[in-house]
């Protein structure tokens, strides 16, 4: 089972919501200004990433068929 953790402010289990549906994660991050917990590909940083902040400067969606 895959789960995504989204949060408005904190980076702790107490402050997050676990979601399993990618579309729901997208809704929370894009429309409700939540951050999503993720691990960077290029560094060892783990944390909450939010749109329009230093880590995620833009959103670009791809069709599932092309990925």
PDB file of N, CA and C in Angstrom:
ATOM      1  N   UNK A   1       0.843  -1.174   0.000  1.00  0.00           N
ATOM      2  CA  UNK A   1       0.000   0.000   0.000  1.00  0.00           C
ATOM      3  C   UNK A   1       0.894   1.245   0.000  1.00  0.00           C
ATOM      4  N   UNK A   2       0.563   2.189  -0.845  1.00  0.00           N
ATOM      5  CA  UNK A   2       1.294   3.449  -0.925  1.00  0.00           C
ATOM      6  C   UNK A   2       0.455   4.528  -0.273  1.00  0.00           C
ATOM      7  N   UNK A   3       1.085   5.344   0.541  1.00  0.00           N
ATOM      8  CA  UNK A   3       0.383   6.469   1.166  1.00  0.00           C
ATOM      9  C   UNK A   3       1.230   7.724   1.011  1.00  0.00           C
ATOM     10  N   UNK A   4       0.558   8.829   0.863  1.00  0.00           N
ATOM     11  CA  UNK A   4       1.199  10.135   0.771  1.00  0.00           C
ATOM     12  C   UNK A   4       0.797  10.915   2.011  1.00  0.00           C
ATOM     13  N   UNK A   5       1.728  11.606   2.609  1.00  0.00           N
ATOM     14  CA  UNK A   5       1.421  12.423   3.780  1.00  0.00           C
ATOM     15  C   UNK A   5       1.391  13.890   3.373  1.00  0.00           C
ATOM     16  N   UNK A   6       0.273  14.535   3.665  1.00  0.00           N
ATOM     17  CA  UNK A   6       0.132  15.959   3.394  1.00  0.00           C
ATOM     18  C   UNK A   6      -0.072  16.686   4.707  1.00  0.00           C
ATOM     19  N   UNK A   7       0.356  17.940   4.747  1.00  0.00           N
ATOM     20  CA  UNK A   7       0.273  18.714   5.976  1.00  0.00           C
ATOM     21  C   UNK A   7       0.196  20.200   5.647  1.00  0.00           C
ATOM     22  N   UNK A   8      -0.507  20.934   6.470  1.00  0.00           N
ATOM     23  CA  UNK A   8      -0.546  22.392   6.307  1.00  0.00           C
ATOM     24  C   UNK A   8       0.696  23.057   6.880  1.00  0.00           C
ATOM     25  N   UNK A   9       1.150  22.593   8.038  1.00  0.00           N
ATOM     26  CA  UNK A   9       2.244  23.299   8.711  1.00  0.00           C
ATOM     27  C   UNK A   9       3.390  22.394   9.127  1.00  0.00           C
ATOM     28  N   UNK A  10       3.099  21.334   9.837  1.00  0.00           N
ATOM     29  CA  UNK A  10       4.154  20.563  10.470  1.00  0.00           C
ATOM     30  C   UNK A  10       4.697  19.427   9.640  1.00  0.00           C
ATOM     31  N   UNK A  11       5.780  18.860  10.143  1.00  0.00           N
ATOM     32  CA  UNK A  11       6.435  17.734   9.500  1.00  0.00           C
ATOM     33  C   UNK A  11       6.456  16.561  10.476  1.00  0.00           C
ATOM     34  N   UNK A  12       5.338  16.352  11.164  1.00  0.00           N
ATOM     35  CA  UNK A  12       5.231  15.261  12.122  1.00  0.00           C
ATOM     36  C   UNK A  12       3.988  14.437  11.815  1.00  0.00           C
ATOM     37  N   UNK A  13       3.964  13.224  12.322  1.00  0.00           N
ATOM     38  CA  UNK A  13       2.789  12.369  12.106  1.00  0.00           C
ATOM     39  C   UNK A  13       1.530  12.984  12.689  1.00  0.00           C
ATOM     40  N   UNK A  14       1.662  13.708  13.792  1.00  0.00           N
ATOM     41  CA  UNK A  14       0.494  14.308  14.437  1.00  0.00           C
ATOM     42  C   UNK A  14      -0.133  15.403  13.576  1.00  0.00           C
ATOM     43  N   UNK A  15       0.652  16.038  12.705  1.00  0.00           N
ATOM     44  CA  UNK A  15       0.166  17.162  11.898  1.00  0.00           C
ATOM     45  C   UNK A  15      -0.222  16.773  10.473  1.00  0.00           C
ATOM     46  N   UNK A  16      -0.153  15.491  10.131  1.00  0.00           N
ATOM     47  CA  UNK A  16      -0.368  15.116   8.735  1.00  0.00           C
ATOM     48  C   UNK A  16      -1.653  14.321   8.530  1.00  0.00           C
ATOM     49  N   UNK A  17      -2.039  14.244   7.261  1.00  0.00           N
ATOM     50  CA  UNK A  17      -3.144  13.413   6.815  1.00  0.00           C
ATOM     51  C   UNK A  17      -2.540  12.428   5.822  1.00  0.00           C
ATOM     52  N   UNK A  18      -2.817  11.150   5.966  1.00  0.00           N
ATOM     53  CA  UNK A  18      -2.339  10.154   5.007  1.00  0.00           C
ATOM     54  C   UNK A  18      -3.400   9.922   3.937  1.00  0.00           C
ATOM     55  N   UNK A  19      -2.981  10.033   2.689  1.00  0.00           N
ATOM     56  CA  UNK A  19      -3.873   9.841   1.551  1.00  0.00           C
ATOM     57  C   UNK A  19      -3.311   8.745   0.657  1.00  0.00           C
ATOM     58  N   UNK A  20      -4.186   7.996   0.010  1.00  0.00           N
ATOM     59  CA  UNK A  20      -3.739   6.934  -0.887  1.00  0.00           C
ATOM     60  C   UNK A  20      -4.015   7.245  -2.356  1.00  0.00           C
ATOM     61  N   UNK A  21      -4.893   8.180  -2.613  1.00  0.00           N
ATOM     62  CA  UNK A  21      -5.279   8.517  -3.981  1.00  0.00           C
ATOM     63  C   UNK A  21      -4.458   9.710  -4.479  1.00  0.00           C
ATOM     64  N   UNK A  22      -3.756   9.536  -5.591  1.00  0.00           N
ATOM     65  CA  UNK A  22      -2.909  10.604  -6.123  1.00  0.00           C
ATOM     66  C   UNK A  22      -3.701  11.850  -6.495  1.00  0.00           C
ATOM     67  N   UNK A  23      -4.911  11.687  -6.992  1.00  0.00           N
ATOM     68  CA  UNK A  23      -5.736  12.840  -7.353  1.00  0.00           C
ATOM     69  C   UNK A  23      -6.125  13.644  -6.111  1.00  0.00           C
ATOM     70  N   UNK A  24      -6.364  12.952  -5.018  1.00  0.00           N
ATOM     71  CA  UNK A  24      -6.678  13.635  -3.766  1.00  0.00           C
ATOM     72  C   UNK A  24      -5.461  14.389  -3.240  1.00  0.00           C
ATOM     73  N   UNK A  25      -4.276  13.792  -3.381  1.00  0.00           N
ATOM     74  CA  UNK A  25      -3.037  14.473  -2.995  1.00  0.00           C
ATOM     75  C   UNK A  25      -2.874  15.737  -3.827  1.00  0.00           C
ATOM     76  N   UNK A  26      -3.077  15.619  -5.122  1.00  0.00           N
ATOM     77  CA  UNK A  26      -2.977  16.781  -6.012  1.00  0.00           C
ATOM     78  C   UNK A  26      -3.942  17.877  -5.584  1.00  0.00           C
ATOM     79  N   UNK A  27      -5.166  17.519  -5.245  1.00  0.00           N
ATOM     80  CA  UNK A  27      -6.159  18.498  -4.783  1.00  0.00           C
ATOM     81  C   UNK A  27      -5.670  19.221  -3.523  1.00  0.00           C
ATOM     82  N   UNK A  28      -5.178  18.474  -2.558  1.00  0.00           N
ATOM     83  CA  UNK A  28      -4.696  19.083  -1.312  1.00  0.00           C
ATOM     84  C   UNK A  28      -3.517  20.013  -1.572  1.00  0.00           C
ATOM     85  N   UNK A  29      -2.564  19.573  -2.396  1.00  0.00           N
ATOM     86  CA  UNK A  29      -1.348  20.361  -2.634  1.00  0.00           C
ATOM     87  C   UNK A  29      -1.635  21.564  -3.531  1.00  0.00           C
ATOM     88  N   UNK A  30      -2.348  21.345  -4.618  1.00  0.00           N
ATOM     89  CA  UNK A  30      -2.585  22.415  -5.593  1.00  0.00           C
ATOM     90  C   UNK A  30      -3.658  23.391  -5.132  1.00  0.00           C
ATOM     91  N   UNK A  31      -4.772  22.870  -4.604  1.00  0.00           N
ATOM     92  CA  UNK A  31      -5.926  23.723  -4.323  1.00  0.00           C
ATOM     93  C   UNK A  31      -6.038  24.184  -2.876  1.00  0.00           C
ATOM     94  N   UNK A  32      -5.504  23.399  -1.945  1.00  0.00           N
ATOM     95  CA  UNK A  32      -5.683  23.720  -0.527  1.00  0.00           C
ATOM     96  C   UNK A  32      -4.398  24.162   0.161  1.00  0.00           C
ATOM     97  N   UNK A  33      -3.316  24.309  -0.603  1.00  0.00           N
ATOM     98  CA  UNK A  33      -2.026  24.815  -0.109  1.00  0.00           C
ATOM     99  C   UNK A  33      -1.366  23.922   0.939  1.00  0.00           C
ATOM    100  N   UNK A  34      -1.609  22.623   0.862  1.00  0.00           N
ATOM    101  CA  UNK A  34      -0.913  21.680   1.736  1.00  0.00           C
ATOM    102  C   UNK A  34       0.458  21.376   1.139  1.00  0.00           C
ATOM    103  N   UNK A  35       1.347  20.914   1.977  1.00  0.00           N
ATOM    104  CA  UNK A  35       2.618  20.398   1.518  1.00  0.00           C
ATOM    105  C   UNK A  35       2.536  18.883   1.486  1.00  0.00           C
ATOM    106  N   UNK A  36       3.420  18.261   0.732  1.00  0.00           N
ATOM    107  CA  UNK A  36       3.460  16.803   0.666  1.00  0.00           C
ATOM    108  C   UNK A  36       4.844  16.347   1.113  1.00  0.00           C
ATOM    109  N   UNK A  37       4.873  15.309   1.915  1.00  0.00           N
ATOM    110  CA  UNK A  37       6.147  14.781   2.401  1.00  0.00           C
ATOM    111  C   UNK A  37       6.811  14.009   1.269  1.00  0.00           C
ATOM    112  N   UNK A  38       8.080  14.319   1.034  1.00  0.00           N
ATOM    113  CA  UNK A  38       8.800  13.672  -0.058  1.00  0.00           C
ATOM    114  C   UNK A  38      10.292  13.630   0.256  1.00  0.00           C
ATOM    115  N   UNK A  39      10.988  12.807  -0.512  1.00  0.00           N
ATOM    116  CA  UNK A  39      12.434  12.707  -0.412  1.00  0.00           C
ATOM    117  C   UNK A  39      13.026  13.236  -1.704  1.00  0.00           C
ATOM    118  N   UNK A  40      14.034  14.045  -1.601  1.00  0.00           N
ATOM    119  CA  UNK A  40      14.689  14.613  -2.769  1.00  0.00           C
ATOM    120  C   UNK A  40      15.474  13.546  -3.523  1.00  0.00           C
ATOM    121  N   UNK A  41      15.472  13.649  -4.845  1.00  0.00           N
ATOM    122  CA  UNK A  41      16.277  12.732  -5.660  1.00  0.00           C
ATOM    123  C   UNK A  41      17.764  13.058  -5.583  1.00  0.00           C
ATOM    124  N   UNK A  42      18.082  14.326  -5.386  1.00  0.00           N
ATOM    125  CA  UNK A  42      19.479  14.755  -5.489  1.00  0.00           C
ATOM    126  C   UNK A  42      20.173  14.965  -4.149  1.00  0.00           C
ATOM    127  N   UNK A  43      19.419  15.008  -3.064  1.00  0.00           N
ATOM    128  CA  UNK A  43      20.038  15.180  -1.746  1.00  0.00           C
ATOM    129  C   UNK A  43      19.405  14.187  -0.778  1.00  0.00           C
ATOM    130  N   UNK A  44      19.847  14.221   0.441  1.00  0.00           N
ATOM    131  CA  UNK A  44      19.273  13.328   1.447  1.00  0.00           C
ATOM    132  C   UNK A  44      18.132  13.995   2.200  1.00  0.00           C
ATOM    133  N   UNK A  45      17.680  15.153   1.724  1.00  0.00           N
ATOM    134  CA  UNK A  45      16.634  15.894   2.422  1.00  0.00           C
ATOM    135  C   UNK A  45      15.296  15.166   2.348  1.00  0.00           C
ATOM    136  N   UNK A  46      14.670  15.004   3.488  1.00  0.00           N
ATOM    137  CA  UNK A  46      13.290  14.526   3.596  1.00  0.00           C
ATOM    138  C   UNK A  46      12.496  15.641   4.236  1.00  0.00           C
ATOM    139  N   UNK A  47      11.342  15.942   3.713  1.00  0.00           N
ATOM    140  CA  UNK A  47      10.559  16.990   4.334  1.00  0.00           C
ATOM    141  C   UNK A  47       9.266  17.253   3.610  1.00  0.00           C
ATOM    142  N   UNK A  48       8.634  18.342   4.013  1.00  0.00           N
ATOM    143  CA  UNK A  48       7.383  18.779   3.411  1.00  0.00           C
ATOM    144  C   UNK A  48       7.710  19.758   2.274  1.00  0.00           C
ATOM    145  N   UNK A  49       7.185  19.454   1.099  1.00  0.00           N
ATOM    146  CA  UNK A  49       7.375  20.315  -0.058  1.00  0.00           C
ATOM    147  C   UNK A  49       6.031  20.958  -0.398  1.00  0.00           C
ATOM    148  N   UNK A  50       6.056  22.284  -0.648  1.00  0.00           N
ATOM    149  CA  UNK A  50       4.847  23.026  -0.994  1.00  0.00           C
ATOM    150  C   UNK A  50       5.038  23.764  -2.303  1.00  0.00           C
ATOM    151  N   UNK A  51       3.928  23.982  -3.005  1.00  0.00           N
ATOM    152  CA  UNK A  51       3.964  24.769  -4.231  1.00  0.00           C
ATOM    153  C   UNK A  51       4.314  26.220  -3.921  1.00  0.00           C
ATOM    154  N   UNK A  52       4.922  26.868  -4.896  1.00  0.00           N
ATOM    155  CA  UNK A  52       5.267  28.289  -4.822  1.00  0.00           C
ATOM    156  C   UNK A  52       6.230  28.589  -3.688  1.00  0.00           C
ATOM    157  N   UNK A  53       7.013  27.617  -3.320  1.00  0.00           N
ATOM    158  CA  UNK A  53       8.047  27.828  -2.320  1.00  0.00           C
ATOM    159  C   UNK A  53       9.383  27.478  -2.962  1.00  0.00           C
ATOM    160  N   UNK A  54      10.428  27.549  -2.202  1.00  0.00           N
ATOM    161  CA  UNK A  54      11.771  27.363  -2.737  1.00  0.00           C
ATOM    162  C   UNK A  54      11.949  26.008  -3.446  1.00  0.00           C
ATOM    163  N   UNK A  55      11.376  24.954  -2.896  1.00  0.00           N
ATOM    164  CA  UNK A  55      11.613  23.615  -3.445  1.00  0.00           C
ATOM    165  C   UNK A  55      10.777  23.304  -4.680  1.00  0.00           C
ATOM    166  N   UNK A  56       9.519  23.725  -4.701  1.00  0.00           N
ATOM    167  CA  UNK A  56       8.643  23.470  -5.844  1.00  0.00           C
ATOM    168  C   UNK A  56       8.196  24.822  -6.387  1.00  0.00           C
ATOM    169  N   UNK A  57       8.800  25.220  -7.466  1.00  0.00           N
ATOM    170  CA  UNK A  57       8.507  26.551  -8.007  1.00  0.00           C
ATOM    171  C   UNK A  57       7.414  26.537  -9.055  1.00  0.00           C
ATOM    172  N   UNK A  58       7.068  25.338  -9.598  1.00  0.00           N
ATOM    173  CA  UNK A  58       6.028  25.248 -10.620  1.00  0.00           C
ATOM    174  C   UNK A  58       5.409  23.860 -10.596  1.00  0.00           C
ATOM    175  N   UNK A  59       4.217  23.756 -11.158  1.00  0.00           N
ATOM    176  CA  UNK A  59       3.500  22.489 -11.258  1.00  0.00           C
ATOM    177  C   UNK A  59       3.284  22.168 -12.725  1.00  0.00           C
ATOM    178  N   UNK A  60       3.679  20.957 -13.125  1.00  0.00           N
ATOM    179  CA  UNK A  60       3.466  20.501 -14.500  1.00  0.00           C
ATOM    180  C   UNK A  60       2.943  19.081 -14.426  1.00  0.00           C
ATOM    181  N   UNK A  61       1.762  18.841 -14.997  1.00  0.00           N
ATOM    182  CA  UNK A  61       1.134  17.530 -14.957  1.00  0.00           C
ATOM    183  C   UNK A  61       1.360  16.799 -16.269  1.00  0.00           C
ATOM    184  N   UNK A  62       1.529  15.476 -16.160  1.00  0.00           N
ATOM    185  CA  UNK A  62       1.678  14.634 -17.343  1.00  0.00           C
ATOM    186  C   UNK A  62       0.556  13.618 -17.346  1.00  0.00           C
ATOM    187  N   UNK A  63       0.172  13.191 -18.554  1.00  0.00           N
ATOM    188  CA  UNK A  63      -0.782  12.087 -18.680  1.00  0.00           C
ATOM    189  C   UNK A  63      -0.159  10.825 -18.124  1.00  0.00           C
ATOM    190  N   UNK A  64      -0.965   9.982 -17.491  1.00  0.00           N
ATOM    191  CA  UNK A  64      -0.460   8.707 -16.994  1.00  0.00           C
ATOM    192  C   UNK A  64       0.040   7.840 -18.146  1.00  0.00           C
ATOM    193  N   UNK A  65      -0.537   7.996 -19.315  1.00  0.00           N
ATOM    194  CA  UNK A  65      -0.138   7.191 -20.472  1.00  0.00           C
ATOM    195  C   UNK A  65       1.270   7.513 -20.934  1.00  0.00           C
ATOM    196  N   UNK A  66       1.757   8.730 -20.668  1.00  0.00           N
ATOM    197  CA  UNK A  66       3.086   9.128 -21.127  1.00  0.00           C
ATOM    198  C   UNK A  66       4.153   8.913 -20.067  1.00  0.00           C
ATOM    199  N   UNK A  67       3.764   8.502 -18.861  1.00  0.00           N
ATOM    200  CA  UNK A  67       4.760   8.314 -17.813  1.00  0.00           C
ATOM    201  C   UNK A  67       5.056   6.858 -17.601  1.00  0.00           C
TER     202      UNK A  67
END
